[in-house]
């Protein structure tokens, strides 16, 4: 009896677990193409801080080590890219890859993006409610996060607890619809879907995160953030919203924290984010 070929593969795991390189090796082995599932790698110019692969646009495709990558490096960072838009991009890529007789490999650590593809997600169309937003914006990020955790624990597990804009929007959807986003989802038929979960021991992951930051700083992380501000005209608020490296390096450039504090905060927040990802992926 021959082993059935997977129609879609998902490579998931926490930050610094080696998903990108693993996915490339897998794609070469089985004849696949990669769909990035990273909420910062969709943006142009966010390269070092997002750990984007060093690919090039060739003939309309973002190619790294001869493997085409999709849903990556194509959105202006001044524009906010939604989960619904990502879902559309990923599903179009899946269809195109399969039509070419290849296997789509979804690789990334943004749980909400992965859910959007692996679940039959129906995203509610909730227009902005300015009155409600003003009321929510009076609360601190900590207060908003506590409220979100109570109303939608799954969303809280993957959201940036310091990102006030995202917290307000998540609460707005719940309050206006009366239910959290996961209740709008049903899991896709599992036939042909294979999930590969990369696991790294906590202490080893901690060392990887710290080593990775030193490498990013050496390769120009601070200059990248400076260019995002000066050349590409991102506001300080937008850089803050992008989180992790972009948040803390921008605060360093503004003189709000010193160099060592910047490094400490990036490492602490990265470890915290990795822990959230591990929790999120327990559902798979």
C-alpha atoms as a PDB file:
ATOM      1  CA  UNK A   1       0.000   0.000   0.000  1.00  0.00           C
ATOM      2  CA  UNK A   2       1.477   3.365  -1.046  1.00  0.00           C
ATOM      3  CA  UNK A   3       1.651   6.202   1.428  1.00  0.00           C
ATOM      4  CA  UNK A   4      -0.763   9.028   0.613  1.00  0.00           C
ATOM      5  CA  UNK A   5       0.909  12.289  -0.363  1.00  0.00           C
ATOM      6  CA  UNK A   6       0.059  15.303   1.797  1.00  0.00           C
ATOM      7  CA  UNK A   7      -1.809  18.032  -0.094  1.00  0.00           C
ATOM      8  CA  UNK A   8      -0.815  20.777   2.388  1.00  0.00           C
ATOM      9  CA  UNK A   9       1.953  20.829   4.994  1.00  0.00           C
ATOM     10  CA  UNK A  10       2.188  23.284   7.887  1.00  0.00           C
ATOM     11  CA  UNK A  11       5.519  23.834   9.657  1.00  0.00           C
ATOM     12  CA  UNK A  12       4.852  25.541  12.987  1.00  0.00           C
ATOM     13  CA  UNK A  13       6.782  26.365  16.133  1.00  0.00           C
ATOM     14  CA  UNK A  14       8.023  29.216  18.316  1.00  0.00           C
ATOM     15  CA  UNK A  15      10.309  32.027  17.220  1.00  0.00           C
ATOM     16  CA  UNK A  16      13.958  30.951  16.760  1.00  0.00           C
ATOM     17  CA  UNK A  17      13.006  27.284  16.318  1.00  0.00           C
ATOM     18  CA  UNK A  18      14.361  27.133  12.748  1.00  0.00           C
ATOM     19  CA  UNK A  19      11.082  26.993  10.792  1.00  0.00           C
ATOM     20  CA  UNK A  20      12.288  28.896   7.717  1.00  0.00           C
ATOM     21  CA  UNK A  21      15.341  26.749   6.965  1.00  0.00           C
ATOM     22  CA  UNK A  22      13.478  23.545   7.824  1.00  0.00           C
ATOM     23  CA  UNK A  23      10.710  24.494   5.383  1.00  0.00           C
ATOM     24  CA  UNK A  24      13.223  25.222   2.601  1.00  0.00           C
ATOM     25  CA  UNK A  25      14.917  21.830   3.040  1.00  0.00           C
ATOM     26  CA  UNK A  26      11.512  20.144   3.052  1.00  0.00           C
ATOM     27  CA  UNK A  27      10.399  22.013  -0.077  1.00  0.00           C
ATOM     28  CA  UNK A  28      13.517  20.864  -1.934  1.00  0.00           C
ATOM     29  CA  UNK A  29      12.980  17.281  -0.847  1.00  0.00           C
ATOM     30  CA  UNK A  30       9.297  16.929  -1.763  1.00  0.00           C
ATOM     31  CA  UNK A  31       8.823  19.520  -4.501  1.00  0.00           C
ATOM     32  CA  UNK A  32       7.060  22.261  -2.591  1.00  0.00           C
ATOM     33  CA  UNK A  33       6.700  26.014  -2.385  1.00  0.00           C
ATOM     34  CA  UNK A  34       6.479  28.024   0.814  1.00  0.00           C
ATOM     35  CA  UNK A  35       3.709  30.273   2.093  1.00  0.00           C
ATOM     36  CA  UNK A  36       4.980  32.521   4.875  1.00  0.00           C
ATOM     37  CA  UNK A  37       2.734  32.803   7.929  1.00  0.00           C
ATOM     38  CA  UNK A  38       4.408  35.709   9.695  1.00  0.00           C
ATOM     39  CA  UNK A  39       2.592  38.962  10.413  1.00  0.00           C
ATOM     40  CA  UNK A  40       5.730  41.092  10.014  1.00  0.00           C
ATOM     41  CA  UNK A  41       7.369  39.328   7.082  1.00  0.00           C
ATOM     42  CA  UNK A  42       4.479  40.393   4.834  1.00  0.00           C
ATOM     43  CA  UNK A  43       5.912  43.934   4.953  1.00  0.00           C
ATOM     44  CA  UNK A  44       8.607  45.279   2.672  1.00  0.00           C
ATOM     45  CA  UNK A  45      11.791  46.653   4.310  1.00  0.00           C
ATOM     46  CA  UNK A  46      11.214  44.702   7.562  1.00  0.00           C
ATOM     47  CA  UNK A  47      14.032  42.257   6.949  1.00  0.00           C
ATOM     48  CA  UNK A  48      16.468  41.824   9.831  1.00  0.00           C
ATOM     49  CA  UNK A  49      14.005  42.389  12.659  1.00  0.00           C
ATOM     50  CA  UNK A  50      11.423  40.002  11.200  1.00  0.00           C
ATOM     51  CA  UNK A  51      13.968  37.250  10.368  1.00  0.00           C
ATOM     52  CA  UNK A  52      12.824  37.349   6.746  1.00  0.00           C
ATOM     53  CA  UNK A  53      14.729  34.992   4.458  1.00  0.00           C
ATOM     54  CA  UNK A  54      17.249  36.740   2.189  1.00  0.00           C
ATOM     55  CA  UNK A  55      15.335  36.179  -1.015  1.00  0.00           C
ATOM     56  CA  UNK A  56      15.009  38.178  -4.230  1.00  0.00           C
ATOM     57  CA  UNK A  57      12.082  38.989  -6.459  1.00  0.00           C
ATOM     58  CA  UNK A  58      12.572  37.020  -9.680  1.00  0.00           C
ATOM     59  CA  UNK A  59       9.860  36.995 -12.330  1.00  0.00           C
ATOM     60  CA  UNK A  60       7.102  37.928  -9.908  1.00  0.00           C
ATOM     61  CA  UNK A  61       8.155  35.463  -7.190  1.00  0.00           C
ATOM     62  CA  UNK A  62      10.138  35.975  -3.982  1.00  0.00           C
ATOM     63  CA  UNK A  63      12.812  33.295  -4.301  1.00  0.00           C
ATOM     64  CA  UNK A  64      15.189  32.020  -1.613  1.00  0.00           C
ATOM     65  CA  UNK A  65      17.576  29.125  -2.283  1.00  0.00           C
ATOM     66  CA  UNK A  66      15.644  28.420  -5.505  1.00  0.00           C
ATOM     67  CA  UNK A  67      12.365  27.977  -3.591  1.00  0.00           C
ATOM     68  CA  UNK A  68       9.484  30.395  -4.327  1.00  0.00           C
ATOM     69  CA  UNK A  69       7.962  32.033  -1.225  1.00  0.00           C
ATOM     70  CA  UNK A  70       4.473  33.533  -1.133  1.00  0.00           C
ATOM     71  CA  UNK A  71       2.683  36.117   1.051  1.00  0.00           C
ATOM     72  CA  UNK A  72       5.989  37.732   1.957  1.00  0.00           C
ATOM     73  CA  UNK A  73       7.722  41.079   1.345  1.00  0.00           C
ATOM     74  CA  UNK A  74       4.909  42.743  -0.608  1.00  0.00           C
ATOM     75  CA  UNK A  75       2.992  45.149   1.674  1.00  0.00           C
ATOM     76  CA  UNK A  76       3.948  48.778   2.366  1.00  0.00           C
ATOM     77  CA  UNK A  77       4.720  48.891   6.115  1.00  0.00           C
ATOM     78  CA  UNK A  78       2.765  52.118   6.491  1.00  0.00           C
ATOM     79  CA  UNK A  79      -0.382  50.138   5.668  1.00  0.00           C
ATOM     80  CA  UNK A  80      -1.967  47.708   8.100  1.00  0.00           C
ATOM     81  CA  UNK A  81      -2.413  44.208   6.669  1.00  0.00           C
ATOM     82  CA  UNK A  82      -5.365  42.283   8.102  1.00  0.00           C
ATOM     83  CA  UNK A  83      -5.812  38.595   8.863  1.00  0.00           C
ATOM     84  CA  UNK A  84      -8.626  38.473   6.308  1.00  0.00           C
ATOM     85  CA  UNK A  85      -6.231  39.813   3.652  1.00  0.00           C
ATOM     86  CA  UNK A  86      -3.653  37.217   4.642  1.00  0.00           C
ATOM     87  CA  UNK A  87      -6.245  34.448   4.316  1.00  0.00           C
ATOM     88  CA  UNK A  88      -7.041  35.606   0.769  1.00  0.00           C
ATOM     89  CA  UNK A  89      -3.338  35.728  -0.140  1.00  0.00           C
ATOM     90  CA  UNK A  90      -2.595  32.288   1.313  1.00  0.00           C
ATOM     91  CA  UNK A  91      -5.583  30.572  -0.275  1.00  0.00           C
ATOM     92  CA  UNK A  92      -4.703  32.033  -3.679  1.00  0.00           C
ATOM     93  CA  UNK A  93      -1.124  30.788  -3.234  1.00  0.00           C
ATOM     94  CA  UNK A  94      -2.286  27.308  -2.183  1.00  0.00           C
ATOM     95  CA  UNK A  95      -4.437  26.980  -5.288  1.00  0.00           C
ATOM     96  CA  UNK A  96      -1.654  28.224  -7.584  1.00  0.00           C
ATOM     97  CA  UNK A  97       0.955  25.896  -6.064  1.00  0.00           C
ATOM     98  CA  UNK A  98      -1.326  22.862  -6.267  1.00  0.00           C
ATOM     99  CA  UNK A  99      -2.268  23.680  -9.867  1.00  0.00           C
ATOM    100  CA  UNK A 100       1.450  23.447 -10.697  1.00  0.00           C
ATOM    101  CA  UNK A 101       1.577  19.967  -9.168  1.00  0.00           C
ATOM    102  CA  UNK A 102       3.577  21.079  -6.140  1.00  0.00           C
ATOM    103  CA  UNK A 103       2.903  20.959  -2.401  1.00  0.00           C
ATOM    104  CA  UNK A 104       2.108  24.139  -0.422  1.00  0.00           C
ATOM    105  CA  UNK A 105       4.165  24.399   2.765  1.00  0.00           C
ATOM    106  CA  UNK A 106       2.799  26.936   5.244  1.00  0.00           C
ATOM    107  CA  UNK A 107       5.646  28.019   7.519  1.00  0.00           C
ATOM    108  CA  UNK A 108       5.547  30.580  10.295  1.00  0.00           C
ATOM    109  CA  UNK A 109       4.791  31.446  13.863  1.00  0.00           C
ATOM    110  CA  UNK A 110       1.797  33.793  13.707  1.00  0.00           C
ATOM    111  CA  UNK A 111      -0.908  31.590  15.165  1.00  0.00           C
ATOM    112  CA  UNK A 112      -3.765  33.761  13.987  1.00  0.00           C
ATOM    113  CA  UNK A 113      -2.490  33.548  10.382  1.00  0.00           C
ATOM    114  CA  UNK A 114      -2.120  29.776  10.551  1.00  0.00           C
ATOM    115  CA  UNK A 115      -5.599  29.397  12.025  1.00  0.00           C
ATOM    116  CA  UNK A 116      -6.985  31.560   9.209  1.00  0.00           C
ATOM    117  CA  UNK A 117      -5.714  29.055   6.639  1.00  0.00           C
ATOM    118  CA  UNK A 118      -6.095  25.731   8.441  1.00  0.00           C
ATOM    119  CA  UNK A 119      -9.553  26.595   9.733  1.00  0.00           C
ATOM    120  CA  UNK A 120     -12.510  27.490   7.550  1.00  0.00           C
ATOM    121  CA  UNK A 121     -12.524  30.952   9.098  1.00  0.00           C
ATOM    122  CA  UNK A 122     -15.412  33.314   8.599  1.00  0.00           C
ATOM    123  CA  UNK A 123     -14.172  36.742   9.638  1.00  0.00           C
ATOM    124  CA  UNK A 124     -16.991  39.003  10.797  1.00  0.00           C
ATOM    125  CA  UNK A 125     -17.219  42.343   9.058  1.00  0.00           C
ATOM    126  CA  UNK A 126     -17.256  44.744  11.979  1.00  0.00           C
ATOM    127  CA  UNK A 127     -17.013  48.413  11.001  1.00  0.00           C
ATOM    128  CA  UNK A 128     -15.187  50.755  13.402  1.00  0.00           C
ATOM    129  CA  UNK A 129     -17.299  52.063  16.278  1.00  0.00           C
ATOM    130  CA  UNK A 130     -15.626  55.356  17.200  1.00  0.00           C
ATOM    131  CA  UNK A 131     -17.682  55.810  20.358  1.00  0.00           C
ATOM    132  CA  UNK A 132     -16.741  52.353  21.647  1.00  0.00           C
ATOM    133  CA  UNK A 133     -13.106  52.836  20.635  1.00  0.00           C
ATOM    134  CA  UNK A 134     -12.815  56.094  22.553  1.00  0.00           C
ATOM    135  CA  UNK A 135     -14.221  54.357  25.618  1.00  0.00           C
ATOM    136  CA  UNK A 136     -11.767  51.456  25.306  1.00  0.00           C
ATOM    137  CA  UNK A 137      -8.811  53.745  24.600  1.00  0.00           C
ATOM    138  CA  UNK A 138      -9.226  55.300  28.039  1.00  0.00           C
ATOM    139  CA  UNK A 139      -8.044  51.986  29.488  1.00  0.00           C
ATOM    140  CA  UNK A 140      -4.382  51.027  29.794  1.00  0.00           C
ATOM    141  CA  UNK A 141      -2.948  48.158  27.698  1.00  0.00           C
ATOM    142  CA  UNK A 142      -2.848  46.019  30.858  1.00  0.00           C
ATOM    143  CA  UNK A 143      -6.539  46.673  31.552  1.00  0.00           C
ATOM    144  CA  UNK A 144      -7.467  45.953  27.934  1.00  0.00           C
ATOM    145  CA  UNK A 145      -5.471  42.720  27.958  1.00  0.00           C
ATOM    146  CA  UNK A 146      -7.127  41.550  31.187  1.00  0.00           C
ATOM    147  CA  UNK A 147     -10.533  42.165  29.666  1.00  0.00           C
ATOM    148  CA  UNK A 148      -9.614  40.385  26.426  1.00  0.00           C
ATOM    149  CA  UNK A 149      -8.215  37.405  28.324  1.00  0.00           C
ATOM    150  CA  UNK A 150     -11.564  37.020  30.071  1.00  0.00           C
ATOM    151  CA  UNK A 151     -13.657  37.355  26.899  1.00  0.00           C
ATOM    152  CA  UNK A 152     -11.399  35.574  24.392  1.00  0.00           C
ATOM    153  CA  UNK A 153      -8.517  33.595  25.984  1.00  0.00           C
ATOM    154  CA  UNK A 154      -7.388  32.139  22.650  1.00  0.00           C
ATOM    155  CA  UNK A 155      -6.973  35.544  21.014  1.00  0.00           C
ATOM    156  CA  UNK A 156      -5.256  36.864  24.154  1.00  0.00           C
ATOM    157  CA  UNK A 157      -2.746  34.015  23.938  1.00  0.00           C
ATOM    158  CA  UNK A 158      -1.405  35.306  20.623  1.00  0.00           C
ATOM    159  CA  UNK A 159      -1.838  39.073  20.802  1.00  0.00           C
ATOM    160  CA  UNK A 160       0.844  41.626  21.663  1.00  0.00           C
ATOM    161  CA  UNK A 161      -0.301  42.709  25.124  1.00  0.00           C
ATOM    162  CA  UNK A 162       1.441  46.080  24.698  1.00  0.00           C
ATOM    163  CA  UNK A 163      -0.210  46.907  21.362  1.00  0.00           C
ATOM    164  CA  UNK A 164      -3.149  49.074  22.342  1.00  0.00           C
ATOM    165  CA  UNK A 165      -4.531  49.362  18.809  1.00  0.00           C
ATOM    166  CA  UNK A 166      -4.786  45.588  18.371  1.00  0.00           C
ATOM    167  CA  UNK A 167      -6.244  45.101  21.835  1.00  0.00           C
ATOM    168  CA  UNK A 168      -8.932  47.701  21.162  1.00  0.00           C
ATOM    169  CA  UNK A 169      -9.806  46.122  17.806  1.00  0.00           C
ATOM    170  CA  UNK A 170     -10.008  42.599  19.266  1.00  0.00           C
ATOM    171  CA  UNK A 171     -12.345  43.793  22.018  1.00  0.00           C
ATOM    172  CA  UNK A 172     -14.386  45.802  19.522  1.00  0.00           C
ATOM    173  CA  UNK A 173     -15.101  42.651  17.488  1.00  0.00           C
ATOM    174  CA  UNK A 174     -16.106  40.639  20.551  1.00  0.00           C
ATOM    175  CA  UNK A 175     -18.338  43.371  21.970  1.00  0.00           C
ATOM    176  CA  UNK A 176     -20.050  44.093  18.636  1.00  0.00           C
ATOM    177  CA  UNK A 177     -20.617  40.446  17.649  1.00  0.00           C
ATOM    178  CA  UNK A 178     -21.142  38.957  21.092  1.00  0.00           C
ATOM    179  CA  UNK A 179     -18.628  36.156  20.573  1.00  0.00           C
ATOM    180  CA  UNK A 180     -14.872  35.646  20.139  1.00  0.00           C
ATOM    181  CA  UNK A 181     -13.398  35.054  16.697  1.00  0.00           C
ATOM    182  CA  UNK A 182     -12.641  31.305  17.200  1.00  0.00           C
ATOM    183  CA  UNK A 183     -16.399  30.682  17.351  1.00  0.00           C
ATOM    184  CA  UNK A 184     -16.578  31.814  13.724  1.00  0.00           C
ATOM    185  CA  UNK A 185     -14.344  28.890  12.732  1.00  0.00           C
ATOM    186  CA  UNK A 186     -14.740  25.246  11.832  1.00  0.00           C
ATOM    187  CA  UNK A 187     -11.711  23.071  11.157  1.00  0.00           C
ATOM    188  CA  UNK A 188     -11.048  22.158   7.535  1.00  0.00           C
ATOM    189  CA  UNK A 189     -11.245  18.505   6.496  1.00  0.00           C
ATOM    190  CA  UNK A 190      -8.004  16.985   7.780  1.00  0.00           C
ATOM    191  CA  UNK A 191      -7.409  14.630   4.847  1.00  0.00           C
ATOM    192  CA  UNK A 192      -4.173  15.492   3.106  1.00  0.00           C
ATOM    193  CA  UNK A 193      -3.093  17.969   5.807  1.00  0.00           C
ATOM    194  CA  UNK A 194       0.150  17.267   7.634  1.00  0.00           C
ATOM    195  CA  UNK A 195       1.350  19.405  10.545  1.00  0.00           C
ATOM    196  CA  UNK A 196       5.013  19.421  11.538  1.00  0.00           C
ATOM    197  CA  UNK A 197       5.569  21.018  14.922  1.00  0.00           C
ATOM    198  CA  UNK A 198       9.145  22.056  15.748  1.00  0.00           C
ATOM    199  CA  UNK A 199       9.998  21.797  19.431  1.00  0.00           C
ATOM    200  CA  UNK A 200      13.033  23.254  21.189  1.00  0.00           C
ATOM    201  CA  UNK A 201      13.794  22.875  24.931  1.00  0.00           C
ATOM    202  CA  UNK A 202      13.146  26.121  26.825  1.00  0.00           C
ATOM    203  CA  UNK A 203      16.760  26.759  27.874  1.00  0.00           C
ATOM    204  CA  UNK A 204      18.079  26.057  24.386  1.00  0.00           C
ATOM    205  CA  UNK A 205      15.442  28.362  22.886  1.00  0.00           C
ATOM    206  CA  UNK A 206      16.429  31.116  25.334  1.00  0.00           C
ATOM    207  CA  UNK A 207      20.065  30.884  24.197  1.00  0.00           C
ATOM    208  CA  UNK A 208      19.031  30.891  20.548  1.00  0.00           C
ATOM    209  CA  UNK A 209      16.948  34.026  21.045  1.00  0.00           C
ATOM    210  CA  UNK A 210      19.842  35.828  22.742  1.00  0.00           C
ATOM    211  CA  UNK A 211      22.357  34.723  20.092  1.00  0.00           C
ATOM    212  CA  UNK A 212      19.979  35.733  17.312  1.00  0.00           C
ATOM    213  CA  UNK A 213      19.633  39.241  18.716  1.00  0.00           C
ATOM    214  CA  UNK A 214      23.416  39.704  18.792  1.00  0.00           C
ATOM    215  CA  UNK A 215      23.583  38.577  15.159  1.00  0.00           C
ATOM    216  CA  UNK A 216      20.784  40.939  14.143  1.00  0.00           C
ATOM    217  CA  UNK A 217      22.487  43.877  15.806  1.00  0.00           C
ATOM    218  CA  UNK A 218      25.743  42.959  14.075  1.00  0.00           C
ATOM    219  CA  UNK A 219      23.987  42.813  10.696  1.00  0.00           C
ATOM    220  CA  UNK A 220      22.358  46.236  10.993  1.00  0.00           C
ATOM    221  CA  UNK A 221      19.106  45.988  12.946  1.00  0.00           C
ATOM    222  CA  UNK A 222      19.411  49.505  14.337  1.00  0.00           C
ATOM    223  CA  UNK A 223      20.138  50.954  10.892  1.00  0.00           C
ATOM    224  CA  UNK A 224      17.129  49.089   9.486  1.00  0.00           C
ATOM    225  CA  UNK A 225      14.823  50.719  12.029  1.00  0.00           C
ATOM    226  CA  UNK A 226      16.449  54.103  11.423  1.00  0.00           C
ATOM    227  CA  UNK A 227      15.768  53.713   7.678  1.00  0.00           C
ATOM    228  CA  UNK A 228      12.164  52.717   8.310  1.00  0.00           C
ATOM    229  CA  UNK A 229      11.750  55.995  10.158  1.00  0.00           C
ATOM    230  CA  UNK A 230      13.735  58.329   7.884  1.00  0.00           C
ATOM    231  CA  UNK A 231      13.565  56.792   4.412  1.00  0.00           C
ATOM    232  CA  UNK A 232      10.207  55.025   4.507  1.00  0.00           C
ATOM    233  CA  UNK A 233       8.487  57.559   6.785  1.00  0.00           C
ATOM    234  CA  UNK A 234       7.091  55.196   9.423  1.00  0.00           C
ATOM    235  CA  UNK A 235       5.852  57.056  12.478  1.00  0.00           C
ATOM    236  CA  UNK A 236       7.199  56.259  15.930  1.00  0.00           C
ATOM    237  CA  UNK A 237       3.732  54.911  16.765  1.00  0.00           C
ATOM    238  CA  UNK A 238       3.781  52.597  13.752  1.00  0.00           C
ATOM    239  CA  UNK A 239       7.209  51.271  14.712  1.00  0.00           C
ATOM    240  CA  UNK A 240       5.906  50.706  18.220  1.00  0.00           C
ATOM    241  CA  UNK A 241       2.900  48.821  16.834  1.00  0.00           C
ATOM    242  CA  UNK A 242       5.206  46.482  14.887  1.00  0.00           C
ATOM    243  CA  UNK A 243       6.428  45.202  18.243  1.00  0.00           C
ATOM    244  CA  UNK A 244       9.483  43.372  19.564  1.00  0.00           C
ATOM    245  CA  UNK A 245      12.704  44.582  17.875  1.00  0.00           C
ATOM    246  CA  UNK A 246      11.009  47.457  16.060  1.00  0.00           C
ATOM    247  CA  UNK A 247       9.365  48.733  19.239  1.00  0.00           C
ATOM    248  CA  UNK A 248      12.438  48.655  21.448  1.00  0.00           C
ATOM    249  CA  UNK A 249      14.985  49.811  18.864  1.00  0.00           C
ATOM    250  CA  UNK A 250      12.727  52.761  18.013  1.00  0.00           C
ATOM    251  CA  UNK A 251      12.539  53.641  21.702  1.00  0.00           C
ATOM    252  CA  UNK A 252      16.337  53.429  21.881  1.00  0.00           C
ATOM    253  CA  UNK A 253      16.621  55.781  18.891  1.00  0.00           C
ATOM    254  CA  UNK A 254      14.272  58.220  20.615  1.00  0.00           C
ATOM    255  CA  UNK A 255      16.470  58.187  23.722  1.00  0.00           C
ATOM    256  CA  UNK A 256      13.781  56.618  25.906  1.00  0.00           C
ATOM    257  CA  UNK A 257      15.959  53.620  26.857  1.00  0.00           C
ATOM    258  CA  UNK A 258      19.681  52.904  26.678  1.00  0.00           C
ATOM    259  CA  UNK A 259      21.374  50.229  24.562  1.00  0.00           C
ATOM    260  CA  UNK A 260      21.565  47.535  27.245  1.00  0.00           C
ATOM    261  CA  UNK A 261      17.954  48.096  28.296  1.00  0.00           C
ATOM    262  CA  UNK A 262      16.917  47.818  24.648  1.00  0.00           C
ATOM    263  CA  UNK A 263      18.623  44.420  24.368  1.00  0.00           C
ATOM    264  CA  UNK A 264      17.148  43.215  27.643  1.00  0.00           C
ATOM    265  CA  UNK A 265      13.609  44.179  26.650  1.00  0.00           C
ATOM    266  CA  UNK A 266      13.875  42.546  23.221  1.00  0.00           C
ATOM    267  CA  UNK A 267      15.076  39.289  24.760  1.00  0.00           C
ATOM    268  CA  UNK A 268      12.427  39.304  27.489  1.00  0.00           C
ATOM    269  CA  UNK A 269       9.607  40.047  25.053  1.00  0.00           C
ATOM    270  CA  UNK A 270      10.896  37.470  22.553  1.00  0.00           C
ATOM    271  CA  UNK A 271      10.923  34.760  25.227  1.00  0.00           C
ATOM    272  CA  UNK A 272       7.440  35.775  26.294  1.00  0.00           C
ATOM    273  CA  UNK A 273       6.264  35.634  22.685  1.00  0.00           C
ATOM    274  CA  UNK A 274       7.812  32.176  22.216  1.00  0.00           C
ATOM    275  CA  UNK A 275       5.949  30.949  25.288  1.00  0.00           C
ATOM    276  CA  UNK A 276       2.675  32.256  23.855  1.00  0.00           C
ATOM    277  CA  UNK A 277       3.356  30.511  20.556  1.00  0.00           C
ATOM    278  CA  UNK A 278       4.016  27.196  22.297  1.00  0.00           C
ATOM    279  CA  UNK A 279       0.700  27.568  24.119  1.00  0.00           C
ATOM    280  CA  UNK A 280      -1.159  28.444  20.926  1.00  0.00           C
ATOM    281  CA  UNK A 281       0.235  25.495  18.965  1.00  0.00           C
ATOM    282  CA  UNK A 282      -0.831  23.007  21.635  1.00  0.00           C
ATOM    283  CA  UNK A 283      -4.171  23.094  19.830  1.00  0.00           C
ATOM    284  CA  UNK A 284      -2.586  21.326  16.846  1.00  0.00           C
END
